[in-house]
Amino acid sequence: MLGWFRKLLPREDRFFELFERHSRTVVGGAEALEQLLQGKDIDRWCQKIVDLEDEADGITAEVLLAVRRSFITPFDRGDIKDLIQSMDDAIDTMHKAVKTVKLFEMREFDPLMREMGGVIVQAARLVAEAIPLLGKVGANAARLNAIAEEVMRVEGRADDLHEQGLKDLFRKHGNGDAMAYLIGSEFYGQLEKVVDRFEDVANEISGIVIENV
């Protein structure tokens, strides 16, 4: 009875606009990271990620304020907060990778790092595809679940690249340049964590589907 009554009340659907704006900043950050890993115009792409992370933080703050002010939300308030926070964590982790690049003045990146950049873009675009579909969860449940499963597969690919990258670093630097190994392994770890955060987003989306279908 309560669920039927809630459906008759006006909803705050501006959340979907904010989610989509945020997803675009995340895709932009992922694409900038992929360009950064090519080893050209590194400072430019680092700054692009920093700027997009700032923009994403602002959108996140808008979502959290709207949650507090809205009488009726399109789905559970906790789910809204968890979804936007998991999306924000993804671009925050990209920002952390940028800090490592700047701190250690990285100018060259291994082929597997570049491949992980492509995986990150793939995950970001999948999330960006899913976000608008949340406006009609029931009608889009099958596609939302398929996207979540695809993100899981992408995350598995990132794990494989991370593991192989560490092995390659050890073969290259294990008996010599320990600092190069440590820096490389730290950076591989951060790239892998970016994809982990997209897996978190996919899990949040799956949870929303389960609760609202």
C-alpha atoms as a PDB file:
ATOM      1  CA  MET A   1       0.000   0.000   0.000  1.00  0.00           C
ATOM      2  CA  LEU A   2       2.783   2.429   0.903  1.00  0.00           C
ATOM      3  CA  GLY A   3       4.669   1.597  -2.314  1.00  0.00           C
ATOM      4  CA  TRP A   4       1.520   2.306  -4.368  1.00  0.00           C
ATOM      5  CA  PHE A   5       1.042   5.634  -2.551  1.00  0.00           C
ATOM      6  CA  ARG A   6       4.662   6.666  -3.147  1.00  0.00           C
ATOM      7  CA  LYS A   7       4.240   6.124  -6.884  1.00  0.00           C
ATOM      8  CA  LEU A   8       1.457   8.720  -6.926  1.00  0.00           C
ATOM      9  CA  LEU A   9       3.599  11.399  -5.293  1.00  0.00           C
ATOM     10  CA  PRO A  10       5.868  13.702  -7.320  1.00  0.00           C
ATOM     11  CA  ARG A  11       9.461  12.500  -7.450  1.00  0.00           C
ATOM     12  CA  GLU A  12      12.750  14.400  -7.559  1.00  0.00           C
ATOM     13  CA  ASP A  13      14.024  13.174 -10.935  1.00  0.00           C
ATOM     14  CA  ARG A  14      16.860  15.701 -11.115  1.00  0.00           C
ATOM     15  CA  PHE A  15      18.992  12.933  -9.603  1.00  0.00           C
ATOM     16  CA  PHE A  16      19.217  11.280 -13.013  1.00  0.00           C
ATOM     17  CA  GLU A  17      20.517  14.476 -14.597  1.00  0.00           C
ATOM     18  CA  LEU A  18      23.176  14.716 -11.885  1.00  0.00           C
ATOM     19  CA  PHE A  19      24.110  11.040 -12.240  1.00  0.00           C
ATOM     20  CA  GLU A  20      24.556  11.474 -15.992  1.00  0.00           C
ATOM     21  CA  ARG A  21      26.660  14.603 -15.544  1.00  0.00           C
ATOM     22  CA  HIS A  22      28.854  12.763 -13.083  1.00  0.00           C
ATOM     23  CA  SER A  23      29.211   9.754 -15.369  1.00  0.00           C
ATOM     24  CA  ARG A  24      30.412  12.063 -18.137  1.00  0.00           C
ATOM     25  CA  THR A  25      33.147  13.451 -15.890  1.00  0.00           C
ATOM     26  CA  VAL A  26      34.186   9.885 -15.047  1.00  0.00           C
ATOM     27  CA  VAL A  27      34.373   8.920 -18.726  1.00  0.00           C
ATOM     28  CA  GLY A  28      36.337  12.100 -19.418  1.00  0.00           C
ATOM     29  CA  GLY A  29      38.751  11.231 -16.615  1.00  0.00           C
ATOM     30  CA  ALA A  30      39.192   7.693 -17.937  1.00  0.00           C
ATOM     31  CA  GLU A  31      39.857   8.951 -21.465  1.00  0.00           C
ATOM     32  CA  ALA A  32      42.366  11.495 -20.148  1.00  0.00           C
ATOM     33  CA  LEU A  33      44.108   8.757 -18.175  1.00  0.00           C
ATOM     34  CA  GLU A  34      44.320   6.617 -21.298  1.00  0.00           C
ATOM     35  CA  GLN A  35      45.939   9.536 -23.141  1.00  0.00           C
ATOM     36  CA  LEU A  36      48.310  10.197 -20.252  1.00  0.00           C
ATOM     37  CA  LEU A  37      49.533   6.589 -20.471  1.00  0.00           C
ATOM     38  CA  GLN A  38      50.661   7.206 -24.050  1.00  0.00           C
ATOM     39  CA  GLY A  39      53.464   9.304 -22.550  1.00  0.00           C
ATOM     40  CA  LYS A  40      52.686  12.507 -24.469  1.00  0.00           C
ATOM     41  CA  ASP A  41      51.453  15.819 -23.033  1.00  0.00           C
ATOM     42  CA  ILE A  42      51.502  14.196 -19.597  1.00  0.00           C
ATOM     43  CA  ASP A  43      51.114  17.434 -17.655  1.00  0.00           C
ATOM     44  CA  ARG A  44      48.113  18.428 -19.760  1.00  0.00           C
ATOM     45  CA  TRP A  45      46.305  15.138 -19.152  1.00  0.00           C
ATOM     46  CA  CYS A  46      47.157  15.169 -15.468  1.00  0.00           C
ATOM     47  CA  GLN A  47      45.568  18.596 -15.129  1.00  0.00           C
ATOM     48  CA  LYS A  48      42.529  17.437 -17.108  1.00  0.00           C
ATOM     49  CA  ILE A  49      41.942  14.636 -14.593  1.00  0.00           C
ATOM     50  CA  VAL A  50      42.403  17.013 -11.653  1.00  0.00           C
ATOM     51  CA  ASP A  51      39.857  19.438 -13.137  1.00  0.00           C
ATOM     52  CA  LEU A  52      37.338  16.677 -13.829  1.00  0.00           C
ATOM     53  CA  GLU A  53      37.758  15.286 -10.324  1.00  0.00           C
ATOM     54  CA  ASP A  54      36.949  18.733  -8.917  1.00  0.00           C
ATOM     55  CA  GLU A  55      33.858  18.913 -11.140  1.00  0.00           C
ATOM     56  CA  ALA A  56      32.778  15.432 -10.026  1.00  0.00           C
ATOM     57  CA  ASP A  57      33.137  16.418  -6.368  1.00  0.00           C
ATOM     58  CA  GLY A  58      30.812  19.351  -6.974  1.00  0.00           C
ATOM     59  CA  ILE A  59      28.179  17.127  -8.583  1.00  0.00           C
ATOM     60  CA  THR A  60      28.455  14.640  -5.726  1.00  0.00           C
ATOM     61  CA  ALA A  61      27.816  17.450  -3.256  1.00  0.00           C
ATOM     62  CA  GLU A  62      24.718  18.471  -5.253  1.00  0.00           C
ATOM     63  CA  VAL A  63      23.384  14.908  -5.115  1.00  0.00           C
ATOM     64  CA  LEU A  64      23.897  14.625  -1.370  1.00  0.00           C
ATOM     65  CA  LEU A  65      22.200  17.986  -0.814  1.00  0.00           C
ATOM     66  CA  ALA A  66      19.265  16.915  -2.990  1.00  0.00           C
ATOM     67  CA  VAL A  67      18.920  13.701  -0.984  1.00  0.00           C
ATOM     68  CA  ARG A  68      18.509  15.739   2.198  1.00  0.00           C
ATOM     69  CA  ARG A  69      16.049  18.193   0.650  1.00  0.00           C
ATOM     70  CA  SER A  70      13.857  15.861  -1.425  1.00  0.00           C
ATOM     71  CA  PHE A  71      10.638  14.489   0.022  1.00  0.00           C
ATOM     72  CA  ILE A  72      10.345  11.681  -2.540  1.00  0.00           C
ATOM     73  CA  THR A  73      13.393  10.174  -4.263  1.00  0.00           C
ATOM     74  CA  PRO A  74      13.334   7.876  -7.331  1.00  0.00           C
ATOM     75  CA  PHE A  75      14.774   5.045  -5.249  1.00  0.00           C
ATOM     76  CA  ASP A  76      16.135   4.441  -1.767  1.00  0.00           C
ATOM     77  CA  ARG A  77      18.129   7.353  -0.340  1.00  0.00           C
ATOM     78  CA  GLY A  78      20.894   5.064   0.828  1.00  0.00           C
ATOM     79  CA  ASP A  79      21.197   3.601  -2.667  1.00  0.00           C
ATOM     80  CA  ILE A  80      21.416   7.080  -4.165  1.00  0.00           C
ATOM     81  CA  LYS A  81      24.220   8.056  -1.795  1.00  0.00           C
ATOM     82  CA  ASP A  82      26.092   4.779  -2.300  1.00  0.00           C
ATOM     83  CA  LEU A  83      25.811   5.010  -6.099  1.00  0.00           C
ATOM     84  CA  ILE A  84      27.132   8.556  -6.393  1.00  0.00           C
ATOM     85  CA  GLN A  85      29.872   7.867  -3.854  1.00  0.00           C
ATOM     86  CA  SER A  86      31.052   4.763  -5.706  1.00  0.00           C
ATOM     87  CA  MET A  87      31.144   6.740  -8.956  1.00  0.00           C
ATOM     88  CA  ASP A  88      33.077   9.514  -7.229  1.00  0.00           C
ATOM     89  CA  ASP A  89      35.518   6.989  -5.780  1.00  0.00           C
ATOM     90  CA  ALA A  90      36.397   5.919  -9.341  1.00  0.00           C
ATOM     91  CA  ILE A  91      37.546   9.364 -10.422  1.00  0.00           C
ATOM     92  CA  ASP A  92      39.143   9.998  -7.016  1.00  0.00           C
ATOM     93  CA  THR A  93      41.297   6.919  -7.609  1.00  0.00           C
ATOM     94  CA  MET A  94      42.285   8.253 -11.035  1.00  0.00           C
ATOM     95  CA  HIS A  95      43.365  11.431  -9.242  1.00  0.00           C
ATOM     96  CA  LYS A  96      45.526   9.347  -6.887  1.00  0.00           C
ATOM     97  CA  ALA A  97      47.206   7.772  -9.907  1.00  0.00           C
ATOM     98  CA  VAL A  98      47.944  11.269 -11.217  1.00  0.00           C
ATOM     99  CA  LYS A  99      49.570  12.154  -7.886  1.00  0.00           C
ATOM    100  CA  THR A 100      51.893   9.165  -8.268  1.00  0.00           C
ATOM    101  CA  VAL A 101      52.811  10.237 -11.805  1.00  0.00           C
ATOM    102  CA  LYS A 102      53.662  13.723 -10.552  1.00  0.00           C
ATOM    103  CA  LEU A 103      55.459  12.596  -7.399  1.00  0.00           C
ATOM    104  CA  PHE A 104      57.795  10.218  -9.205  1.00  0.00           C
ATOM    105  CA  GLU A 105      57.954  12.262 -12.428  1.00  0.00           C
ATOM    106  CA  MET A 106      56.851   9.287 -14.501  1.00  0.00           C
ATOM    107  CA  ARG A 107      57.298   9.882 -18.218  1.00  0.00           C
ATOM    108  CA  GLU A 108      57.164   6.375 -19.686  1.00  0.00           C
ATOM    109  CA  PHE A 109      54.542   3.689 -19.171  1.00  0.00           C
ATOM    110  CA  ASP A 110      54.689  -0.033 -19.828  1.00  0.00           C
ATOM    111  CA  PRO A 111      52.544  -1.512 -22.625  1.00  0.00           C
ATOM    112  CA  LEU A 112      50.382  -3.327 -20.080  1.00  0.00           C
ATOM    113  CA  MET A 113      49.779  -0.057 -18.241  1.00  0.00           C
ATOM    114  CA  ARG A 114      48.531   1.406 -21.503  1.00  0.00           C
ATOM    115  CA  GLU A 115      46.328  -1.631 -22.004  1.00  0.00           C
ATOM    116  CA  MET A 116      44.887  -1.138 -18.523  1.00  0.00           C
ATOM    117  CA  GLY A 117      44.075   2.426 -19.552  1.00  0.00           C
ATOM    118  CA  GLY A 118      41.909   1.025 -22.337  1.00  0.00           C
ATOM    119  CA  VAL A 119      40.201  -1.321 -19.880  1.00  0.00           C
ATOM    120  CA  ILE A 120      39.436   1.620 -17.585  1.00  0.00           C
ATOM    121  CA  VAL A 121      37.822   3.515 -20.471  1.00  0.00           C
ATOM    122  CA  GLN A 122      35.755   0.447 -21.316  1.00  0.00           C
ATOM    123  CA  ALA A 123      34.497   0.173 -17.727  1.00  0.00           C
ATOM    124  CA  ALA A 124      33.714   3.897 -17.541  1.00  0.00           C
ATOM    125  CA  ARG A 125      31.698   3.803 -20.764  1.00  0.00           C
ATOM    126  CA  LEU A 126      29.708   0.798 -19.562  1.00  0.00           C
ATOM    127  CA  VAL A 127      28.778   2.686 -16.398  1.00  0.00           C
ATOM    128  CA  ALA A 128      27.854   5.760 -18.441  1.00  0.00           C
ATOM    129  CA  GLU A 129      25.555   3.572 -20.551  1.00  0.00           C
ATOM    130  CA  ALA A 130      23.894   2.132 -17.450  1.00  0.00           C
ATOM    131  CA  ILE A 131      23.193   5.384 -15.608  1.00  0.00           C
ATOM    132  CA  PRO A 132      20.410   6.761 -17.875  1.00  0.00           C
ATOM    133  CA  LEU A 133      18.704   3.356 -17.822  1.00  0.00           C
ATOM    134  CA  LEU A 134      18.099   3.701 -14.076  1.00  0.00           C
ATOM    135  CA  GLY A 135      15.313   6.162 -14.845  1.00  0.00           C
ATOM    136  CA  LYS A 136      13.177   3.161 -15.816  1.00  0.00           C
ATOM    137  CA  VAL A 137      14.697   0.319 -13.841  1.00  0.00           C
ATOM    138  CA  GLY A 138      11.957  -2.215 -14.526  1.00  0.00           C
ATOM    139  CA  ALA A 139      11.959  -1.763 -18.287  1.00  0.00           C
ATOM    140  CA  ASN A 140      15.762  -1.778 -18.437  1.00  0.00           C
ATOM    141  CA  ALA A 141      16.513  -4.472 -15.845  1.00  0.00           C
ATOM    142  CA  ALA A 142      17.862  -7.007 -18.343  1.00  0.00           C
ATOM    143  CA  ARG A 143      20.273  -4.542 -19.930  1.00  0.00           C
ATOM    144  CA  LEU A 144      21.365  -3.166 -16.557  1.00  0.00           C
ATOM    145  CA  ASN A 145      22.179  -6.667 -15.341  1.00  0.00           C
ATOM    146  CA  ALA A 146      24.059  -7.401 -18.570  1.00  0.00           C
ATOM    147  CA  ILE A 147      26.135  -4.231 -18.169  1.00  0.00           C
ATOM    148  CA  ALA A 148      26.957  -5.129 -14.567  1.00  0.00           C
ATOM    149  CA  GLU A 149      28.133  -8.577 -15.691  1.00  0.00           C
ATOM    150  CA  GLU A 150      30.261  -7.011 -18.441  1.00  0.00           C
ATOM    151  CA  VAL A 151      31.907  -4.685 -15.905  1.00  0.00           C
ATOM    152  CA  MET A 152      32.764  -7.781 -13.836  1.00  0.00           C
ATOM    153  CA  ARG A 153      34.429  -9.348 -16.869  1.00  0.00           C
ATOM    154  CA  VAL A 154      36.356  -6.138 -17.529  1.00  0.00           C
ATOM    155  CA  GLU A 155      37.504  -6.125 -13.902  1.00  0.00           C
ATOM    156  CA  GLY A 156      38.754  -9.696 -14.327  1.00  0.00           C
ATOM    157  CA  ARG A 157      40.768  -8.593 -17.363  1.00  0.00           C
ATOM    158  CA  ALA A 158      42.283  -5.766 -15.301  1.00  0.00           C
ATOM    159  CA  ASP A 159      43.287  -8.265 -12.609  1.00  0.00           C
ATOM    160  CA  ASP A 160      45.077 -10.372 -15.232  1.00  0.00           C
ATOM    161  CA  LEU A 161      46.913  -7.339 -16.634  1.00  0.00           C
ATOM    162  CA  HIS A 162      47.885  -6.230 -13.128  1.00  0.00           C
ATOM    163  CA  GLU A 163      49.321  -9.639 -12.301  1.00  0.00           C
ATOM    164  CA  GLN A 164      51.223  -9.912 -15.583  1.00  0.00           C
ATOM    165  CA  GLY A 165      52.493  -6.360 -15.210  1.00  0.00           C
ATOM    166  CA  LEU A 166      53.972  -7.122 -11.798  1.00  0.00           C
ATOM    167  CA  LYS A 167      55.662 -10.228 -13.194  1.00  0.00           C
ATOM    168  CA  ASP A 168      57.156  -8.212 -16.049  1.00  0.00           C
ATOM    169  CA  LEU A 169      58.398  -5.563 -13.627  1.00  0.00           C
ATOM    170  CA  PHE A 170      60.050  -8.186 -11.468  1.00  0.00           C
ATOM    171  CA  ARG A 171      61.782  -9.764 -14.470  1.00  0.00           C
ATOM    172  CA  LYS A 172      62.992  -6.345 -15.588  1.00  0.00           C
ATOM    173  CA  HIS A 173      63.988  -4.796 -12.247  1.00  0.00           C
ATOM    174  CA  GLY A 174      63.997  -7.598  -9.679  1.00  0.00           C
ATOM    175  CA  ASN A 175      67.758  -7.948  -9.629  1.00  0.00           C
ATOM    176  CA  GLY A 176      68.613  -4.310 -10.162  1.00  0.00           C
ATOM    177  CA  ASP A 177      66.545  -1.148  -9.842  1.00  0.00           C
ATOM    178  CA  ALA A 178      64.373  -1.757  -6.784  1.00  0.00           C
ATOM    179  CA  MET A 179      62.933   1.767  -6.866  1.00  0.00           C
ATOM    180  CA  ALA A 180      61.720   1.331 -10.449  1.00  0.00           C
ATOM    181  CA  TYR A 181      60.008  -1.879  -9.391  1.00  0.00           C
ATOM    182  CA  LEU A 182      58.339  -0.233  -6.398  1.00  0.00           C
ATOM    183  CA  ILE A 183      57.107   2.758  -8.398  1.00  0.00           C
ATOM    184  CA  GLY A 184      55.827   0.564 -11.207  1.00  0.00           C
ATOM    185  CA  SER A 185      54.063  -1.844  -8.873  1.00  0.00           C
ATOM    186  CA  GLU A 186      52.446   1.046  -6.994  1.00  0.00           C
ATOM    187  CA  PHE A 187      51.148   2.521 -10.228  1.00  0.00           C
ATOM    188  CA  TYR A 188      49.860  -0.821 -11.502  1.00  0.00           C
ATOM    189  CA  GLY A 189      48.037  -1.201  -8.195  1.00  0.00           C
ATOM    190  CA  GLN A 190      46.359   2.171  -8.574  1.00  0.00           C
ATOM    191  CA  LEU A 191      45.213   1.402 -12.113  1.00  0.00           C
ATOM    192  CA  GLU A 192      43.761  -1.883 -10.885  1.00  0.00           C
ATOM    193  CA  LYS A 193      41.958  -0.072  -8.061  1.00  0.00           C
ATOM    194  CA  VAL A 194      40.291   2.267 -10.572  1.00  0.00           C
ATOM    195  CA  VAL A 195      38.659  -0.736 -12.219  1.00  0.00           C
ATOM    196  CA  ASP A 196      37.746  -2.116  -8.778  1.00  0.00           C
ATOM    197  CA  ARG A 197      35.827   1.074  -8.109  1.00  0.00           C
ATOM    198  CA  PHE A 198      33.862   0.558 -11.335  1.00  0.00           C
ATOM    199  CA  GLU A 199      33.047  -2.921 -10.095  1.00  0.00           C
ATOM    200  CA  ASP A 200      31.667  -1.247  -6.957  1.00  0.00           C
ATOM    201  CA  VAL A 201      29.455   0.931  -9.166  1.00  0.00           C
ATOM    202  CA  ALA A 202      28.220  -2.158 -11.006  1.00  0.00           C
ATOM    203  CA  ASN A 203      27.389  -3.810  -7.689  1.00  0.00           C
ATOM    204  CA  GLU A 204      25.405  -0.743  -6.616  1.00  0.00           C
ATOM    205  CA  ILE A 205      23.487  -0.800  -9.902  1.00  0.00           C
ATOM    206  CA  SER A 206      22.717  -4.506  -9.477  1.00  0.00           C
ATOM    207  CA  GLY A 207      21.443  -3.815  -5.969  1.00  0.00           C
ATOM    208  CA  ILE A 208      19.149  -1.050  -7.220  1.00  0.00           C
ATOM    209  CA  VAL A 209      17.745  -3.380  -9.868  1.00  0.00           C
ATOM    210  CA  ILE A 210      17.055  -6.098  -7.301  1.00  0.00           C
ATOM    211  CA  GLU A 211      15.306  -3.703  -4.924  1.00  0.00           C
ATOM    212  CA  ASN A 212      13.181  -1.972  -7.553  1.00  0.00           C
ATOM    213  CA  VAL A 213      12.054  -4.741  -9.920  1.00  0.00           C
END
